[in-house]
Amino acid sequence: AVKGAQYNSPQRQPHPKCLEGTRVDLLNYIYT
């Protein structure tokens, strides 16, 4: 198993993340 492939792996830092208030419509669509 490739531990570095996990979303929160230290290999992937800094983690790309949506900033607060961005991509709201897209994220809400996905969550729905």
Full PDB file with SEQRES, HELIX, SHEET, SSBOND, CRYST1, ORIGX, SCALE, CONECT and MASTER records, all heavy atoms in Angstrom:
SEQRES   1 A   32  ALA VAL LYS GLY ALA GLN TYR ASN SER PRO GLN ARG GLN          
SEQRES   2 A   32  PRO HIS PRO LYS CYS LEU GLU GLY THR ARG VAL ASP LEU          
SEQRES   3 A   32  LEU ASN TYR ILE TYR THR                                      
HELIX    1 AA1 LYS A    3  ALA A    5  5                                   3    
HELIX    2 AA2 PRO A   10  ARG A   12  5                                   3    
HELIX    3 AA3 VAL A   24  TYR A   31  1                                   8    
CRYST1    1.000    1.000    1.000  90.00  90.00  90.00 P 1           1          
ORIGX1      1.000000  0.000000  0.000000        0.00000                         
ORIGX2      0.000000  1.000000  0.000000        0.00000                         
ORIGX3      0.000000  0.000000  1.000000        0.00000                         
SCALE1      1.000000  0.000000  0.000000        0.00000                         
SCALE2      0.000000  1.000000  0.000000        0.00000                         
SCALE3      0.000000  0.000000  1.000000        0.00000                         
ATOM      1  N   ALA A   1       0.841  -1.203   0.000  1.00  0.00           N  
ATOM      2  CA  ALA A   1       0.000   0.000   0.000  1.00  0.00           C  
ATOM      3  C   ALA A   1       0.875   1.251   0.000  1.00  0.00           C  
ATOM      4  O   ALA A   1       1.845   1.343   0.750  1.00  0.00           O  
ATOM      5  CB  ALA A   1      -0.926  -0.010   1.213  1.00  0.00           C  
ATOM      6  N   VAL A   2       0.518   2.198  -0.828  1.00  0.00           N  
ATOM      7  CA  VAL A   2       1.304   3.427  -0.985  1.00  0.00           C  
ATOM      8  C   VAL A   2       0.781   4.468   0.003  1.00  0.00           C  
ATOM      9  O   VAL A   2      -0.235   5.121  -0.255  1.00  0.00           O  
ATOM     10  CB  VAL A   2       1.222   3.939  -2.442  1.00  0.00           C  
ATOM     11  CG1 VAL A   2       2.082   5.184  -2.608  1.00  0.00           C  
ATOM     12  CG2 VAL A   2       1.636   2.862  -3.414  1.00  0.00           C  
ATOM     13  N   LYS A   3       1.467   4.608   1.124  1.00  0.00           N  
ATOM     14  CA  LYS A   3       1.012   5.534   2.171  1.00  0.00           C  
ATOM     15  C   LYS A   3       1.058   6.989   1.695  1.00  0.00           C  
ATOM     16  O   LYS A   3       0.233   7.797   2.073  1.00  0.00           O  
ATOM     17  CB  LYS A   3       1.840   5.400   3.450  1.00  0.00           C  
ATOM     18  CG  LYS A   3       2.079   3.997   4.002  1.00  0.00           C  
ATOM     19  CD  LYS A   3       0.896   3.107   4.081  1.00  0.00           C  
ATOM     20  CE  LYS A   3       1.214   1.770   4.702  1.00  0.00           C  
ATOM     21  NZ  LYS A   3       2.036   0.854   3.941  1.00  0.00           N  
ATOM     22  N   GLY A   4       2.008   7.317   0.832  1.00  0.00           N  
ATOM     23  CA  GLY A   4       2.133   8.677   0.321  1.00  0.00           C  
ATOM     24  C   GLY A   4       1.007   9.095  -0.610  1.00  0.00           C  
ATOM     25  O   GLY A   4       0.881  10.267  -0.948  1.00  0.00           O  
ATOM     26  N   ALA A   5       0.169   8.148  -1.012  1.00  0.00           N  
ATOM     27  CA  ALA A   5      -0.942   8.463  -1.913  1.00  0.00           C  
ATOM     28  C   ALA A   5      -2.185   8.917  -1.163  1.00  0.00           C  
ATOM     29  O   ALA A   5      -3.144   9.370  -1.775  1.00  0.00           O  
ATOM     30  CB  ALA A   5      -1.281   7.246  -2.770  1.00  0.00           C  
ATOM     31  N   GLN A   6      -2.175   8.784   0.160  1.00  0.00           N  
ATOM     32  CA  GLN A   6      -3.333   9.210   0.942  1.00  0.00           C  
ATOM     33  C   GLN A   6      -3.455  10.730   0.901  1.00  0.00           C  
ATOM     34  O   GLN A   6      -2.462  11.452   0.806  1.00  0.00           O  
ATOM     35  CB  GLN A   6      -3.210   8.726   2.380  1.00  0.00           C  
ATOM     36  CG  GLN A   6      -3.292   7.219   2.482  1.00  0.00           C  
ATOM     37  CD  GLN A   6      -3.221   6.728   3.910  1.00  0.00           C  
ATOM     38  OE1 GLN A   6      -3.520   7.455   4.836  1.00  0.00           O  
ATOM     39  NE2 GLN A   6      -2.826   5.489   4.070  1.00  0.00           N  
ATOM     40  N   TYR A   7      -4.688  11.196   0.992  1.00  0.00           N  
ATOM     41  CA  TYR A   7      -4.948  12.624   0.805  1.00  0.00           C  
ATOM     42  C   TYR A   7      -4.166  13.503   1.782  1.00  0.00           C  
ATOM     43  O   TYR A   7      -3.745  14.598   1.453  1.00  0.00           O  
ATOM     44  CB  TYR A   7      -6.456  12.914   0.902  1.00  0.00           C  
ATOM     45  CG  TYR A   7      -6.973  13.097   2.303  1.00  0.00           C  
ATOM     46  CD1 TYR A   7      -7.186  14.363   2.821  1.00  0.00           C  
ATOM     47  CD2 TYR A   7      -7.225  12.005   3.129  1.00  0.00           C  
ATOM     48  CE1 TYR A   7      -7.650  14.542   4.113  1.00  0.00           C  
ATOM     49  CE2 TYR A   7      -7.685  12.170   4.404  1.00  0.00           C  
ATOM     50  CZ  TYR A   7      -7.897  13.433   4.898  1.00  0.00           C  
ATOM     51  OH  TYR A   7      -8.343  13.603   6.180  1.00  0.00           O  
ATOM     52  N   ASN A   8      -3.937  13.026   2.997  1.00  0.00           N  
ATOM     53  CA  ASN A   8      -3.288  13.848   4.018  1.00  0.00           C  
ATOM     54  C   ASN A   8      -1.845  13.434   4.282  1.00  0.00           C  
ATOM     55  O   ASN A   8      -1.289  13.745   5.325  1.00  0.00           O  
ATOM     56  CB  ASN A   8      -4.099  13.812   5.310  1.00  0.00           C  
ATOM     57  CG  ASN A   8      -4.273  12.396   5.842  1.00  0.00           C  
ATOM     58  OD1 ASN A   8      -3.882  11.422   5.199  1.00  0.00           O  
ATOM     59  ND2 ASN A   8      -4.881  12.287   7.001  1.00  0.00           N  
ATOM     60  N   SER A   9      -1.227  12.771   3.339  1.00  0.00           N  
ATOM     61  CA  SER A   9       0.149  12.304   3.485  1.00  0.00           C  
ATOM     62  C   SER A   9       1.125  13.475   3.626  1.00  0.00           C  
ATOM     63  O   SER A   9       0.988  14.485   2.935  1.00  0.00           O  
ATOM     64  CB  SER A   9       0.541  11.474   2.266  1.00  0.00           C  
ATOM     65  OG  SER A   9       1.935  11.278   2.236  1.00  0.00           O  
ATOM     66  N   PRO A  10       2.125  13.314   4.475  1.00  0.00           N  
ATOM     67  CA  PRO A  10       3.165  14.349   4.567  1.00  0.00           C  
ATOM     68  C   PRO A  10       3.903  14.555   3.237  1.00  0.00           C  
ATOM     69  O   PRO A  10       4.426  15.636   2.995  1.00  0.00           O  
ATOM     70  CB  PRO A  10       4.120  13.799   5.632  1.00  0.00           C  
ATOM     71  CG  PRO A  10       3.299  12.865   6.452  1.00  0.00           C  
ATOM     72  CD  PRO A  10       2.293  12.280   5.506  1.00  0.00           C  
ATOM     73  N   GLN A  11       3.921  13.540   2.370  1.00  0.00           N  
ATOM     74  CA  GLN A  11       4.559  13.686   1.056  1.00  0.00           C  
ATOM     75  C   GLN A  11       3.855  14.725   0.195  1.00  0.00           C  
ATOM     76  O   GLN A  11       4.437  15.222  -0.758  1.00  0.00           O  
ATOM     77  CB  GLN A  11       4.538  12.356   0.292  1.00  0.00           C  
ATOM     78  CG  GLN A  11       5.571  11.370   0.685  1.00  0.00           C  
ATOM     79  CD  GLN A  11       5.556  10.159  -0.248  1.00  0.00           C  
ATOM     80  OE1 GLN A  11       4.924  10.155  -1.305  1.00  0.00           O  
ATOM     81  NE2 GLN A  11       6.264   9.123   0.151  1.00  0.00           N  
ATOM     82  N   ARG A  12       2.622  15.017   0.508  1.00  0.00           N  
ATOM     83  CA  ARG A  12       1.827  15.915  -0.331  1.00  0.00           C  
ATOM     84  C   ARG A  12       1.755  17.329   0.228  1.00  0.00           C  
ATOM     85  O   ARG A  12       0.958  18.130  -0.208  1.00  0.00           O  
ATOM     86  CB  ARG A  12       0.409  15.355  -0.487  1.00  0.00           C  
ATOM     87  CG  ARG A  12       0.389  14.002  -1.168  1.00  0.00           C  
ATOM     88  CD  ARG A  12      -1.009  13.568  -1.544  1.00  0.00           C  
ATOM     89  NE  ARG A  12      -1.624  14.556  -2.413  1.00  0.00           N  
ATOM     90  CZ  ARG A  12      -2.569  15.432  -2.020  1.00  0.00           C  
ATOM     91  NH1 ARG A  12      -3.026  15.420  -0.795  1.00  0.00           N  
ATOM     92  NH2 ARG A  12      -3.058  16.298  -2.871  1.00  0.00           N  
ATOM     93  N   GLN A  13       2.552  17.655   1.221  1.00  0.00           N  
ATOM     94  CA  GLN A  13       2.477  18.990   1.815  1.00  0.00           C  
ATOM     95  C   GLN A  13       3.219  19.993   0.949  1.00  0.00           C  
ATOM     96  O   GLN A  13       4.244  19.652   0.371  1.00  0.00           O  
ATOM     97  CB  GLN A  13       3.031  18.966   3.229  1.00  0.00           C  
ATOM     98  CG  GLN A  13       2.109  18.243   4.162  1.00  0.00           C  
ATOM     99  CD  GLN A  13       2.583  18.289   5.598  1.00  0.00           C  
ATOM    100  OE1 GLN A  13       3.675  18.721   5.901  1.00  0.00           O  
ATOM    101  NE2 GLN A  13       1.744  17.844   6.491  1.00  0.00           N  
ATOM    102  N   PRO A  14       2.754  21.229   0.875  1.00  0.00           N  
ATOM    103  CA  PRO A  14       1.518  21.698   1.496  1.00  0.00           C  
ATOM    104  C   PRO A  14       0.302  21.129   0.748  1.00  0.00           C  
ATOM    105  O   PRO A  14       0.309  21.018  -0.474  1.00  0.00           O  
ATOM    106  CB  PRO A  14       1.586  23.216   1.348  1.00  0.00           C  
ATOM    107  CG  PRO A  14       2.444  23.435   0.138  1.00  0.00           C  
ATOM    108  CD  PRO A  14       3.407  22.274   0.087  1.00  0.00           C  
ATOM    109  N   HIS A  15      -0.695  20.759   1.520  1.00  0.00           N  
ATOM    110  CA  HIS A  15      -1.899  20.169   0.935  1.00  0.00           C  
ATOM    111  C   HIS A  15      -2.669  21.237   0.169  1.00  0.00           C  
ATOM    112  O   HIS A  15      -2.964  22.297   0.713  1.00  0.00           O  
ATOM    113  CB  HIS A  15      -2.806  19.600   2.032  1.00  0.00           C  
ATOM    114  CG  HIS A  15      -2.167  18.507   2.817  1.00  0.00           C  
ATOM    115  ND1 HIS A  15      -1.728  17.337   2.251  1.00  0.00           N  
ATOM    116  CD2 HIS A  15      -1.889  18.404   4.136  1.00  0.00           C  
ATOM    117  CE1 HIS A  15      -1.215  16.557   3.181  1.00  0.00           C  
ATOM    118  NE2 HIS A  15      -1.291  17.183   4.333  1.00  0.00           N  
ATOM    119  N   PRO A  16      -2.998  20.942  -1.095  1.00  0.00           N  
ATOM    120  CA  PRO A  16      -3.843  21.881  -1.827  1.00  0.00           C  
ATOM    121  C   PRO A  16      -5.243  21.813  -1.231  1.00  0.00           C  
ATOM    122  O   PRO A  16      -5.784  20.729  -1.058  1.00  0.00           O  
ATOM    123  CB  PRO A  16      -3.815  21.349  -3.258  1.00  0.00           C  
ATOM    124  CG  PRO A  16      -3.541  19.896  -3.107  1.00  0.00           C  
ATOM    125  CD  PRO A  16      -2.702  19.745  -1.873  1.00  0.00           C  
ATOM    126  N   LYS A  17      -5.794  22.925  -0.873  1.00  0.00           N  
ATOM    127  CA  LYS A  17      -7.105  22.951  -0.220  1.00  0.00           C  
ATOM    128  C   LYS A  17      -7.863  24.169  -0.709  1.00  0.00           C  
ATOM    129  O   LYS A  17      -7.265  25.226  -0.936  1.00  0.00           O  
ATOM    130  CB  LYS A  17      -6.898  23.012   1.296  1.00  0.00           C  
ATOM    131  CG  LYS A  17      -8.160  22.981   2.096  1.00  0.00           C  
ATOM    132  CD  LYS A  17      -7.835  23.003   3.594  1.00  0.00           C  
ATOM    133  CE  LYS A  17      -9.112  22.966   4.385  1.00  0.00           C  
ATOM    134  NZ  LYS A  17      -8.862  22.924   5.822  1.00  0.00           N  
ATOM    135  N   CYS A  18      -9.171  24.023  -0.852  1.00  0.00           N  
ATOM    136  CA  CYS A  18      -9.987  25.176  -1.225  1.00  0.00           C  
ATOM    137  C   CYS A  18      -9.992  26.168  -0.069  1.00  0.00           C  
ATOM    138  O   CYS A  18     -10.244  25.798   1.078  1.00  0.00           O  
ATOM    139  CB  CYS A  18     -11.425  24.740  -1.534  1.00  0.00           C  
ATOM    140  SG  CYS A  18     -11.567  23.702  -2.990  1.00  0.00           S  
ATOM    141  N   LEU A  19      -9.726  27.404  -0.379  1.00  0.00           N  
ATOM    142  CA  LEU A  19      -9.768  28.445   0.641  1.00  0.00           C  
ATOM    143  C   LEU A  19     -11.210  28.702   1.051  1.00  0.00           C  
ATOM    144  O   LEU A  19     -12.143  28.501   0.261  1.00  0.00           O  
ATOM    145  CB  LEU A  19      -9.126  29.732   0.118  1.00  0.00           C  
ATOM    146  CG  LEU A  19      -7.650  29.614  -0.269  1.00  0.00           C  
ATOM    147  CD1 LEU A  19      -7.164  30.907  -0.906  1.00  0.00           C  
ATOM    148  CD2 LEU A  19      -6.799  29.258   0.942  1.00  0.00           C  
ATOM    149  N   GLU A  20     -11.389  29.134   2.266  1.00  0.00           N  
ATOM    150  CA  GLU A  20     -12.727  29.439   2.797  1.00  0.00           C  
ATOM    151  C   GLU A  20     -13.459  30.378   1.842  1.00  0.00           C  
ATOM    152  O   GLU A  20     -12.912  31.394   1.403  1.00  0.00           O  
ATOM    153  CB  GLU A  20     -12.587  30.097   4.178  1.00  0.00           C  
ATOM    154  CG  GLU A  20     -13.892  30.281   4.901  1.00  0.00           C  
ATOM    155  CD  GLU A  20     -14.452  28.970   5.414  1.00  0.00           C  
ATOM    156  OE1 GLU A  20     -13.673  28.082   5.782  1.00  0.00           O  
ATOM    157  OE2 GLU A  20     -15.689  28.846   5.441  1.00  0.00           O  
ATOM    158  N   GLY A  21     -14.674  29.997   1.477  1.00  0.00           N  
ATOM    159  CA  GLY A  21     -15.503  30.829   0.618  1.00  0.00           C  
ATOM    160  C   GLY A  21     -15.271  30.640  -0.869  1.00  0.00           C  
ATOM    161  O   GLY A  21     -15.911  31.309  -1.680  1.00  0.00           O  
ATOM    162  N   THR A  22     -14.333  29.753  -1.244  1.00  0.00           N  
ATOM    163  CA  THR A  22     -14.104  29.512  -2.665  1.00  0.00           C  
ATOM    164  C   THR A  22     -14.702  28.170  -3.065  1.00  0.00           C  
ATOM    165  O   THR A  22     -14.879  27.284  -2.236  1.00  0.00           O  
ATOM    166  CB  THR A  22     -12.599  29.510  -3.009  1.00  0.00           C  
ATOM    167  OG1 THR A  22     -11.955  28.432  -2.318  1.00  0.00           O  
ATOM    168  CG2 THR A  22     -11.944  30.826  -2.632  1.00  0.00           C  
ATOM    169  N   ARG A  23     -15.044  28.045  -4.319  1.00  0.00           N  
ATOM    170  CA  ARG A  23     -15.603  26.808  -4.877  1.00  0.00           C  
ATOM    171  C   ARG A  23     -16.842  26.325  -4.129  1.00  0.00           C  
ATOM    172  O   ARG A  23     -17.137  25.133  -4.087  1.00  0.00           O  
ATOM    173  CB  ARG A  23     -14.560  25.699  -4.890  1.00  0.00           C  
ATOM    174  CG  ARG A  23     -13.244  26.074  -5.483  1.00  0.00           C  
ATOM    175  CD  ARG A  23     -13.080  25.377  -6.798  1.00  0.00           C  
ATOM    176  NE  ARG A  23     -11.719  25.556  -7.263  1.00  0.00           N  
ATOM    177  CZ  ARG A  23     -11.426  26.141  -8.400  1.00  0.00           C  
ATOM    178  NH1 ARG A  23     -12.371  26.598  -9.164  1.00  0.00           N  
ATOM    179  NH2 ARG A  23     -10.190  26.271  -8.787  1.00  0.00           N  
ATOM    180  N   VAL A  24     -17.559  27.248  -3.516  1.00  0.00           N  
ATOM    181  CA  VAL A  24     -18.707  26.911  -2.673  1.00  0.00           C  
ATOM    182  C   VAL A  24     -19.774  26.168  -3.461  1.00  0.00           C  
ATOM    183  O   VAL A  24     -20.274  25.128  -3.004  1.00  0.00           O  
ATOM    184  CB  VAL A  24     -19.291  28.188  -2.008  1.00  0.00           C  
ATOM    185  CG1 VAL A  24     -20.575  27.885  -1.271  1.00  0.00           C  
ATOM    186  CG2 VAL A  24     -18.262  28.812  -1.088  1.00  0.00           C  
ATOM    187  N   ASP A  25     -20.147  26.665  -4.641  1.00  0.00           N  
ATOM    188  CA  ASP A  25     -21.193  26.013  -5.430  1.00  0.00           C  
ATOM    189  C   ASP A  25     -20.780  24.606  -5.845  1.00  0.00           C  
ATOM    190  O   ASP A  25     -21.567  23.665  -5.747  1.00  0.00           O  
ATOM    191  CB  ASP A  25     -21.543  26.843  -6.671  1.00  0.00           C  
ATOM    192  CG  ASP A  25     -22.261  28.141  -6.312  1.00  0.00           C  
ATOM    193  OD1 ASP A  25     -22.808  28.228  -5.195  1.00  0.00           O  
ATOM    194  OD2 ASP A  25     -22.270  29.062  -7.151  1.00  0.00           O  
ATOM    195  N   LEU A  26     -19.551  24.456  -6.306  1.00  0.00           N  
ATOM    196  CA  LEU A  26     -19.062  23.146  -6.722  1.00  0.00           C  
ATOM    197  C   LEU A  26     -19.022  22.177  -5.544  1.00  0.00           C  
ATOM    198  O   LEU A  26     -19.495  21.042  -5.638  1.00  0.00           O  
ATOM    199  CB  LEU A  26     -17.677  23.254  -7.364  1.00  0.00           C  
ATOM    200  CG  LEU A  26     -17.013  21.932  -7.757  1.00  0.00           C  
ATOM    201  CD1 LEU A  26     -17.866  21.162  -8.761  1.00  0.00           C  
ATOM    202  CD2 LEU A  26     -15.619  22.189  -8.312  1.00  0.00           C  
ATOM    203  N   LEU A  27     -18.480  22.607  -4.425  1.00  0.00           N  
ATOM    204  CA  LEU A  27     -18.410  21.742  -3.243  1.00  0.00           C  
ATOM    205  C   LEU A  27     -19.802  21.369  -2.746  1.00  0.00           C  
ATOM    206  O   LEU A  27     -20.047  20.197  -2.419  1.00  0.00           O  
ATOM    207  CB  LEU A  27     -17.605  22.412  -2.126  1.00  0.00           C  
ATOM    208  CG  LEU A  27     -16.105  22.530  -2.396  1.00  0.00           C  
ATOM    209  CD1 LEU A  27     -15.444  23.441  -1.367  1.00  0.00           C  
ATOM    210  CD2 LEU A  27     -15.437  21.170  -2.430  1.00  0.00           C  
ATOM    211  N   ASN A  28     -20.721  22.314  -2.713  1.00  0.00           N  
ATOM    212  CA  ASN A  28     -22.086  22.003  -2.285  1.00  0.00           C  
ATOM    213  C   ASN A  28     -22.754  21.015  -3.234  1.00  0.00           C  
ATOM    214  O   ASN A  28     -23.482  20.116  -2.807  1.00  0.00           O  
ATOM    215  CB  ASN A  28     -22.929  23.273  -2.160  1.00  0.00           C  
ATOM    216  CG  ASN A  28     -22.576  24.057  -0.917  1.00  0.00           C  
ATOM    217  OD1 ASN A  28     -22.045  23.519   0.051  1.00  0.00           O  
ATOM    218  ND2 ASN A  28     -22.848  25.352  -0.943  1.00  0.00           N  
ATOM    219  N   TYR A  29     -22.500  21.152  -4.519  1.00  0.00           N  
ATOM    220  CA  TYR A  29     -23.030  20.213  -5.509  1.00  0.00           C  
ATOM    221  C   TYR A  29     -22.501  18.799  -5.234  1.00  0.00           C  
ATOM    222  O   TYR A  29     -23.260  17.827  -5.210  1.00  0.00           O  
ATOM    223  CB  TYR A  29     -22.654  20.681  -6.918  1.00  0.00           C  
ATOM    224  CG  TYR A  29     -23.001  19.701  -8.005  1.00  0.00           C  
ATOM    225  CD1 TYR A  29     -24.324  19.527  -8.420  1.00  0.00           C  
ATOM    226  CD2 TYR A  29     -22.016  18.933  -8.612  1.00  0.00           C  
ATOM    227  CE1 TYR A  29     -24.652  18.615  -9.414  1.00  0.00           C  
ATOM    228  CE2 TYR A  29     -22.342  18.020  -9.609  1.00  0.00           C  
ATOM    229  CZ  TYR A  29     -23.657  17.865  -9.997  1.00  0.00           C  
ATOM    230  OH  TYR A  29     -23.979  16.962 -10.978  1.00  0.00           O  
ATOM    231  N   ILE A  30     -21.204  18.694  -5.012  1.00  0.00           N  
ATOM    232  CA  ILE A  30     -20.588  17.392  -4.723  1.00  0.00           C  
ATOM    233  C   ILE A  30     -21.141  16.814  -3.425  1.00  0.00           C  
ATOM    234  O   ILE A  30     -21.516  15.637  -3.362  1.00  0.00           O  
ATOM    235  CB  ILE A  30     -19.051  17.517  -4.663  1.00  0.00           C  
ATOM    236  CG1 ILE A  30     -18.509  17.834  -6.063  1.00  0.00           C  
ATOM    237  CG2 ILE A  30     -18.417  16.242  -4.095  1.00  0.00           C  
ATOM    238  CD1 ILE A  30     -17.045  18.233  -6.084  1.00  0.00           C  
ATOM    239  N   TYR A  31     -21.234  17.625  -2.382  1.00  0.00           N  
ATOM    240  CA  TYR A  31     -21.736  17.133  -1.091  1.00  0.00           C  
ATOM    241  C   TYR A  31     -23.199  16.685  -1.199  1.00  0.00           C  
ATOM    242  O   TYR A  31     -23.598  15.706  -0.572  1.00  0.00           O  
ATOM    243  CB  TYR A  31     -21.592  18.192  -0.002  1.00  0.00           C  
ATOM    244  CG  TYR A  31     -20.159  18.602   0.271  1.00  0.00           C  
ATOM    245  CD1 TYR A  31     -19.858  19.896   0.670  1.00  0.00           C  
ATOM    246  CD2 TYR A  31     -19.101  17.706   0.117  1.00  0.00           C  
ATOM    247  CE1 TYR A  31     -18.548  20.278   0.923  1.00  0.00           C  
ATOM    248  CE2 TYR A  31     -17.800  18.088   0.363  1.00  0.00           C  
ATOM    249  CZ  TYR A  31     -17.521  19.375   0.771  1.00  0.00           C  
ATOM    250  OH  TYR A  31     -16.230  19.759   1.021  1.00  0.00           O  
ATOM    251  N   THR A  32     -23.989  17.379  -1.994  1.00  0.00           N  
ATOM    252  CA  THR A  32     -25.391  16.985  -2.193  1.00  0.00           C  
ATOM    253  C   THR A  32     -25.472  15.600  -2.823  1.00  0.00           C  
ATOM    254  O   THR A  32     -26.267  14.753  -2.407  1.00  0.00           O  
ATOM    255  CB  THR A  32     -26.120  18.022  -3.078  1.00  0.00           C  
ATOM    256  OG1 THR A  32     -26.092  19.282  -2.422  1.00  0.00           O  
ATOM    257  CG2 THR A  32     -27.560  17.610  -3.340  1.00  0.00           C  
TER     258      THR A  32                                                      
MASTER        0    0    0    3    0    0    0    6  257    1    0    3          
END                                                                             
